[in-house]
Amino acid sequence: MIRSASLAIAMLVAATAVPAQAQSARVLGDFRDWSSYAADDGTGTVCFAMSRPKSTEPAGAAGGDAYVYVSNRPAEDVTAEFNVVAGYTFQTGSMASVTIGGQSFPLFTQGDAAWLDDSGQAANLAAAIRAGSTLVVTGTSANGTQVTQSYSLSGATAAQQAVGAEC
């Protein structure tokens, strides 16, 4: 279920990058370094807040589009689901992590994506995102390189509020 939902969101995110297809996802707002969207994925409305990394180390390690998003899917009773699309393929069987301030959350990986290893931590991670200033995702690429991506959390609270109001 997680893979199909994140695939739908990834397609919606890709659609927002292509102006001719932008009607598939509705912009709820742009909030500094974060944006919020809503769309119908066929099972109901999906809303998500997303951001792109401010930096990736080592430089050039992420060859594709990278972003994090927090999504709500009311039809599936899902709130504050965190997902990473790294822009590179994770090493098979590896774990990644997301760190905000002093809090670290383990992520399981598959392909170029990662999710919370313990979905019961979703509310805690969402709260850390609202309270923090920088989010850091650390993972290991398929070739064994440790990759660190840093995201600004400026605007994350407003973006999550817009998602909550819509979904």
C-alpha atoms as a PDB file:
ATOM      1  CA  MET A   1       0.000   0.000   0.000  1.00  0.00           C
ATOM      2  CA  ILE A   2       2.822   2.411   0.857  1.00  0.00           C
ATOM      3  CA  ARG A   3       4.546   1.856  -2.491  1.00  0.00           C
ATOM      4  CA  SER A   4       1.393   2.449  -4.552  1.00  0.00           C
ATOM      5  CA  ALA A   5       0.457   5.575  -2.584  1.00  0.00           C
ATOM      6  CA  SER A   6       3.938   7.046  -2.848  1.00  0.00           C
ATOM      7  CA  LEU A   7       4.040   6.208  -6.561  1.00  0.00           C
ATOM      8  CA  ALA A   8       0.807   8.142  -7.018  1.00  0.00           C
ATOM      9  CA  ILE A   9       2.229  11.089  -5.100  1.00  0.00           C
ATOM     10  CA  ALA A  10       5.504  10.919  -7.028  1.00  0.00           C
ATOM     11  CA  MET A  11       3.546  11.087 -10.286  1.00  0.00           C
ATOM     12  CA  LEU A  12       1.589  14.079  -8.958  1.00  0.00           C
ATOM     13  CA  VAL A  13       4.825  15.774  -7.934  1.00  0.00           C
ATOM     14  CA  ALA A  14       6.272  15.146 -11.387  1.00  0.00           C
ATOM     15  CA  ALA A  15       3.110  16.578 -12.928  1.00  0.00           C
ATOM     16  CA  THR A  16       3.542  19.813 -10.983  1.00  0.00           C
ATOM     17  CA  ALA A  17       6.951  20.235 -12.604  1.00  0.00           C
ATOM     18  CA  VAL A  18       5.451  20.053 -16.103  1.00  0.00           C
ATOM     19  CA  PRO A  19       3.195  23.062 -16.794  1.00  0.00           C
ATOM     20  CA  ALA A  20       1.032  21.293 -19.391  1.00  0.00           C
ATOM     21  CA  GLN A  21       0.085  18.655 -16.827  1.00  0.00           C
ATOM     22  CA  ALA A  22      -0.141  20.910 -13.774  1.00  0.00           C
ATOM     23  CA  GLN A  23      -3.935  20.608 -13.667  1.00  0.00           C
ATOM     24  CA  SER A  24      -3.572  17.089 -12.175  1.00  0.00           C
ATOM     25  CA  ALA A  25      -2.337  18.542  -8.862  1.00  0.00           C
ATOM     26  CA  ARG A  26      -3.817  21.671  -7.334  1.00  0.00           C
ATOM     27  CA  VAL A  27      -1.448  24.018  -5.529  1.00  0.00           C
ATOM     28  CA  LEU A  28      -2.666  24.803  -2.020  1.00  0.00           C
ATOM     29  CA  GLY A  29       0.154  27.264  -1.418  1.00  0.00           C
ATOM     30  CA  ASP A  30       3.835  28.043  -1.508  1.00  0.00           C
ATOM     31  CA  PHE A  31       5.348  28.646   1.918  1.00  0.00           C
ATOM     32  CA  ARG A  32       9.005  29.704   1.757  1.00  0.00           C
ATOM     33  CA  ASP A  33      10.898  26.444   1.080  1.00  0.00           C
ATOM     34  CA  TRP A  34       7.808  24.209   1.119  1.00  0.00           C
ATOM     35  CA  SER A  35       4.753  23.846  -1.107  1.00  0.00           C
ATOM     36  CA  SER A  36       1.424  22.082  -0.571  1.00  0.00           C
ATOM     37  CA  TYR A  37      -0.715  20.264  -3.128  1.00  0.00           C
ATOM     38  CA  ALA A  38      -3.976  18.338  -3.393  1.00  0.00           C
ATOM     39  CA  ALA A  39      -5.062  15.866  -6.055  1.00  0.00           C
ATOM     40  CA  ASP A  40      -7.439  12.991  -6.655  1.00  0.00           C
ATOM     41  CA  ASP A  41      -5.543   9.706  -6.966  1.00  0.00           C
ATOM     42  CA  GLY A  42      -8.596   7.630  -7.914  1.00  0.00           C
ATOM     43  CA  THR A  43      -9.322   6.516  -4.342  1.00  0.00           C
ATOM     44  CA  GLY A  44      -9.918   9.997  -2.930  1.00  0.00           C
ATOM     45  CA  THR A  45      -8.139  13.230  -2.259  1.00  0.00           C
ATOM     46  CA  VAL A  46      -4.432  13.116  -1.487  1.00  0.00           C
ATOM     47  CA  CYS A  47      -2.737  16.156   0.026  1.00  0.00           C
ATOM     48  CA  PHE A  48       0.962  16.601   0.560  1.00  0.00           C
ATOM     49  CA  ALA A  49       3.558  19.167   1.593  1.00  0.00           C
ATOM     50  CA  MET A  50       6.929  18.873  -0.108  1.00  0.00           C
ATOM     51  CA  SER A  51      10.372  20.407  -0.309  1.00  0.00           C
ATOM     52  CA  ARG A  52      13.568  19.892  -2.275  1.00  0.00           C
ATOM     53  CA  PRO A  53      17.053  19.638  -0.725  1.00  0.00           C
ATOM     54  CA  LYS A  54      19.136  22.764  -0.249  1.00  0.00           C
ATOM     55  CA  SER A  55      22.333  20.701  -0.472  1.00  0.00           C
ATOM     56  CA  THR A  56      23.548  17.194  -1.244  1.00  0.00           C
ATOM     57  CA  GLU A  57      26.927  15.806  -0.162  1.00  0.00           C
ATOM     58  CA  PRO A  58      28.883  14.604  -1.939  1.00  0.00           C
ATOM     59  CA  ALA A  59      27.892  17.033  -4.667  1.00  0.00           C
ATOM     60  CA  GLY A  60      26.295  15.304  -7.627  1.00  0.00           C
ATOM     61  CA  ALA A  61      25.460  12.133  -5.662  1.00  0.00           C
ATOM     62  CA  ALA A  62      21.752  12.576  -6.422  1.00  0.00           C
ATOM     63  CA  GLY A  63      21.480  12.493 -10.172  1.00  0.00           C
ATOM     64  CA  GLY A  64      17.681  12.718 -10.245  1.00  0.00           C
ATOM     65  CA  ASP A  65      14.997  14.838  -8.645  1.00  0.00           C
ATOM     66  CA  ALA A  66      15.067  14.614  -4.856  1.00  0.00           C
ATOM     67  CA  TYR A  67      12.422  15.719  -2.390  1.00  0.00           C
ATOM     68  CA  VAL A  68      10.723  14.926   0.901  1.00  0.00           C
ATOM     69  CA  TYR A  69       7.019  15.048   1.444  1.00  0.00           C
ATOM     70  CA  VAL A  70       4.465  14.604   4.189  1.00  0.00           C
ATOM     71  CA  SER A  71       1.095  13.345   2.962  1.00  0.00           C
ATOM     72  CA  ASN A  72      -2.460  12.858   4.145  1.00  0.00           C
ATOM     73  CA  ARG A  73      -4.768  10.331   2.474  1.00  0.00           C
ATOM     74  CA  PRO A  74      -8.108  10.593   4.323  1.00  0.00           C
ATOM     75  CA  ALA A  75      -9.737   7.759   2.341  1.00  0.00           C
ATOM     76  CA  GLU A  76      -7.048   5.425   3.728  1.00  0.00           C
ATOM     77  CA  ASP A  77      -6.979   7.056   7.200  1.00  0.00           C
ATOM     78  CA  VAL A  78      -3.349   8.104   6.681  1.00  0.00           C
ATOM     79  CA  THR A  79      -2.064  11.295   8.286  1.00  0.00           C
ATOM     80  CA  ALA A  80       1.446  12.771   8.242  1.00  0.00           C
ATOM     81  CA  GLU A  81       3.089   9.968   6.237  1.00  0.00           C
ATOM     82  CA  PHE A  82       6.740  10.902   5.617  1.00  0.00           C
ATOM     83  CA  ASN A  83       8.474   9.883   2.400  1.00  0.00           C
ATOM     84  CA  VAL A  84      11.844  10.579   0.789  1.00  0.00           C
ATOM     85  CA  VAL A  85      12.563  10.363  -2.916  1.00  0.00           C
ATOM     86  CA  ALA A  86      16.355  10.519  -2.840  1.00  0.00           C
ATOM     87  CA  GLY A  87      17.250  11.126  -6.480  1.00  0.00           C
ATOM     88  CA  TYR A  88      19.560   8.089  -6.313  1.00  0.00           C
ATOM     89  CA  THR A  89      19.035   4.368  -5.706  1.00  0.00           C
ATOM     90  CA  PHE A  90      19.612   3.228  -2.129  1.00  0.00           C
ATOM     91  CA  GLN A  91      21.849   0.243  -1.480  1.00  0.00           C
ATOM     92  CA  THR A  92      19.677  -2.884  -1.365  1.00  0.00           C
ATOM     93  CA  GLY A  93      18.713  -3.786   2.193  1.00  0.00           C
ATOM     94  CA  SER A  94      20.145  -0.577   3.659  1.00  0.00           C
ATOM     95  CA  MET A  95      18.464   1.712   6.147  1.00  0.00           C
ATOM     96  CA  ALA A  96      18.496   5.499   5.959  1.00  0.00           C
ATOM     97  CA  SER A  97      17.723   8.111   8.609  1.00  0.00           C
ATOM     98  CA  VAL A  98      16.110  11.491   8.951  1.00  0.00           C
ATOM     99  CA  THR A  99      17.467  13.788  11.663  1.00  0.00           C
ATOM    100  CA  ILE A 100      15.962  17.011  12.975  1.00  0.00           C
ATOM    101  CA  GLY A 101      17.730  18.719  15.843  1.00  0.00           C
ATOM    102  CA  GLY A 102      18.683  15.928  18.232  1.00  0.00           C
ATOM    103  CA  GLN A 103      15.971  13.539  17.047  1.00  0.00           C
ATOM    104  CA  SER A 104      16.730  10.765  14.577  1.00  0.00           C
ATOM    105  CA  PHE A 105      14.183   8.500  12.884  1.00  0.00           C
ATOM    106  CA  PRO A 106      15.173   5.312  11.013  1.00  0.00           C
ATOM    107  CA  LEU A 107      13.879   4.865   7.465  1.00  0.00           C
ATOM    108  CA  PHE A 108      13.514   1.693   5.438  1.00  0.00           C
ATOM    109  CA  THR A 109      14.492   1.991   1.792  1.00  0.00           C
ATOM    110  CA  GLN A 110      13.353   0.574  -1.510  1.00  0.00           C
ATOM    111  CA  GLY A 111      14.746   1.712  -4.846  1.00  0.00           C
ATOM    112  CA  ASP A 112      15.102   5.491  -4.641  1.00  0.00           C
ATOM    113  CA  ALA A 113      12.527   5.946  -1.860  1.00  0.00           C
ATOM    114  CA  ALA A 114      12.455   5.708   1.927  1.00  0.00           C
ATOM    115  CA  TRP A 115       9.742   5.706   4.596  1.00  0.00           C
ATOM    116  CA  LEU A 116       9.608   5.684   8.376  1.00  0.00           C
ATOM    117  CA  ASP A 117      10.590   2.252   9.653  1.00  0.00           C
ATOM    118  CA  ASP A 118       8.035   2.672  12.459  1.00  0.00           C
ATOM    119  CA  SER A 119       4.898   4.317  11.057  1.00  0.00           C
ATOM    120  CA  GLY A 120       3.795   4.906  14.660  1.00  0.00           C
ATOM    121  CA  GLN A 121       6.437   7.667  14.765  1.00  0.00           C
ATOM    122  CA  ALA A 122       4.691   9.718  12.012  1.00  0.00           C
ATOM    123  CA  ALA A 123       3.131  12.230  14.423  1.00  0.00           C
ATOM    124  CA  ASN A 124       6.444  12.657  16.280  1.00  0.00           C
ATOM    125  CA  LEU A 125       8.318  13.263  13.034  1.00  0.00           C
ATOM    126  CA  ALA A 126       5.652  15.716  11.811  1.00  0.00           C
ATOM    127  CA  ALA A 127       5.959  17.615  15.121  1.00  0.00           C
ATOM    128  CA  ALA A 128       9.772  17.665  14.812  1.00  0.00           C
ATOM    129  CA  ILE A 129       9.443  19.051  11.280  1.00  0.00           C
ATOM    130  CA  ARG A 130       7.180  21.849  12.545  1.00  0.00           C
ATOM    131  CA  ALA A 131       9.563  22.661  15.425  1.00  0.00           C
ATOM    132  CA  GLY A 132      12.895  22.305  13.623  1.00  0.00           C
ATOM    133  CA  SER A 133      14.928  24.425  11.236  1.00  0.00           C
ATOM    134  CA  THR A 134      16.805  21.802   9.192  1.00  0.00           C
ATOM    135  CA  LEU A 135      15.987  18.234   8.195  1.00  0.00           C
ATOM    136  CA  VAL A 136      18.860  15.932   7.186  1.00  0.00           C
ATOM    137  CA  VAL A 137      18.406  12.659   5.304  1.00  0.00           C
ATOM    138  CA  THR A 138      21.371  10.272   5.323  1.00  0.00           C
ATOM    139  CA  GLY A 139      21.460   7.152   3.185  1.00  0.00           C
ATOM    140  CA  THR A 140      23.794   4.809   1.354  1.00  0.00           C
ATOM    141  CA  SER A 141      23.676   4.726  -2.435  1.00  0.00           C
ATOM    142  CA  ALA A 142      23.751   1.531  -4.478  1.00  0.00           C
ATOM    143  CA  ASN A 143      27.496   2.038  -5.044  1.00  0.00           C
ATOM    144  CA  GLY A 144      28.165   2.333  -1.274  1.00  0.00           C
ATOM    145  CA  THR A 145      28.531   6.123  -1.049  1.00  0.00           C
ATOM    146  CA  GLN A 146      27.061   7.767   2.059  1.00  0.00           C
ATOM    147  CA  VAL A 147      24.841  10.605   0.859  1.00  0.00           C
ATOM    148  CA  THR A 148      23.599  13.475   3.038  1.00  0.00           C
ATOM    149  CA  GLN A 149      20.792  15.755   1.879  1.00  0.00           C
ATOM    150  CA  SER A 150      19.833  18.859   3.881  1.00  0.00           C
ATOM    151  CA  TYR A 151      16.394  20.455   3.673  1.00  0.00           C
ATOM    152  CA  SER A 152      15.212  23.769   5.048  1.00  0.00           C
ATOM    153  CA  LEU A 153      12.144  23.563   7.268  1.00  0.00           C
ATOM    154  CA  SER A 154      11.244  27.205   6.664  1.00  0.00           C
ATOM    155  CA  GLY A 155       7.563  27.176   5.725  1.00  0.00           C
ATOM    156  CA  ALA A 156       7.004  23.521   6.711  1.00  0.00           C
ATOM    157  CA  THR A 157       4.497  24.362   9.455  1.00  0.00           C
ATOM    158  CA  ALA A 158       2.345  26.514   7.151  1.00  0.00           C
ATOM    159  CA  ALA A 159       2.560  23.883   4.412  1.00  0.00           C
ATOM    160  CA  GLN A 160       1.419  21.143   6.818  1.00  0.00           C
ATOM    161  CA  GLN A 161      -1.404  23.376   8.053  1.00  0.00           C
ATOM    162  CA  ALA A 162      -2.602  23.859   4.466  1.00  0.00           C
ATOM    163  CA  VAL A 163      -2.548  20.091   3.943  1.00  0.00           C
ATOM    164  CA  GLY A 164      -4.467  19.529   7.187  1.00  0.00           C
ATOM    165  CA  ALA A 165      -7.108  22.086   6.238  1.00  0.00           C
ATOM    166  CA  GLU A 166      -7.675  20.448   2.833  1.00  0.00           C
ATOM    167  CA  CYS A 167      -7.405  16.777   3.868  1.00  0.00           C
END
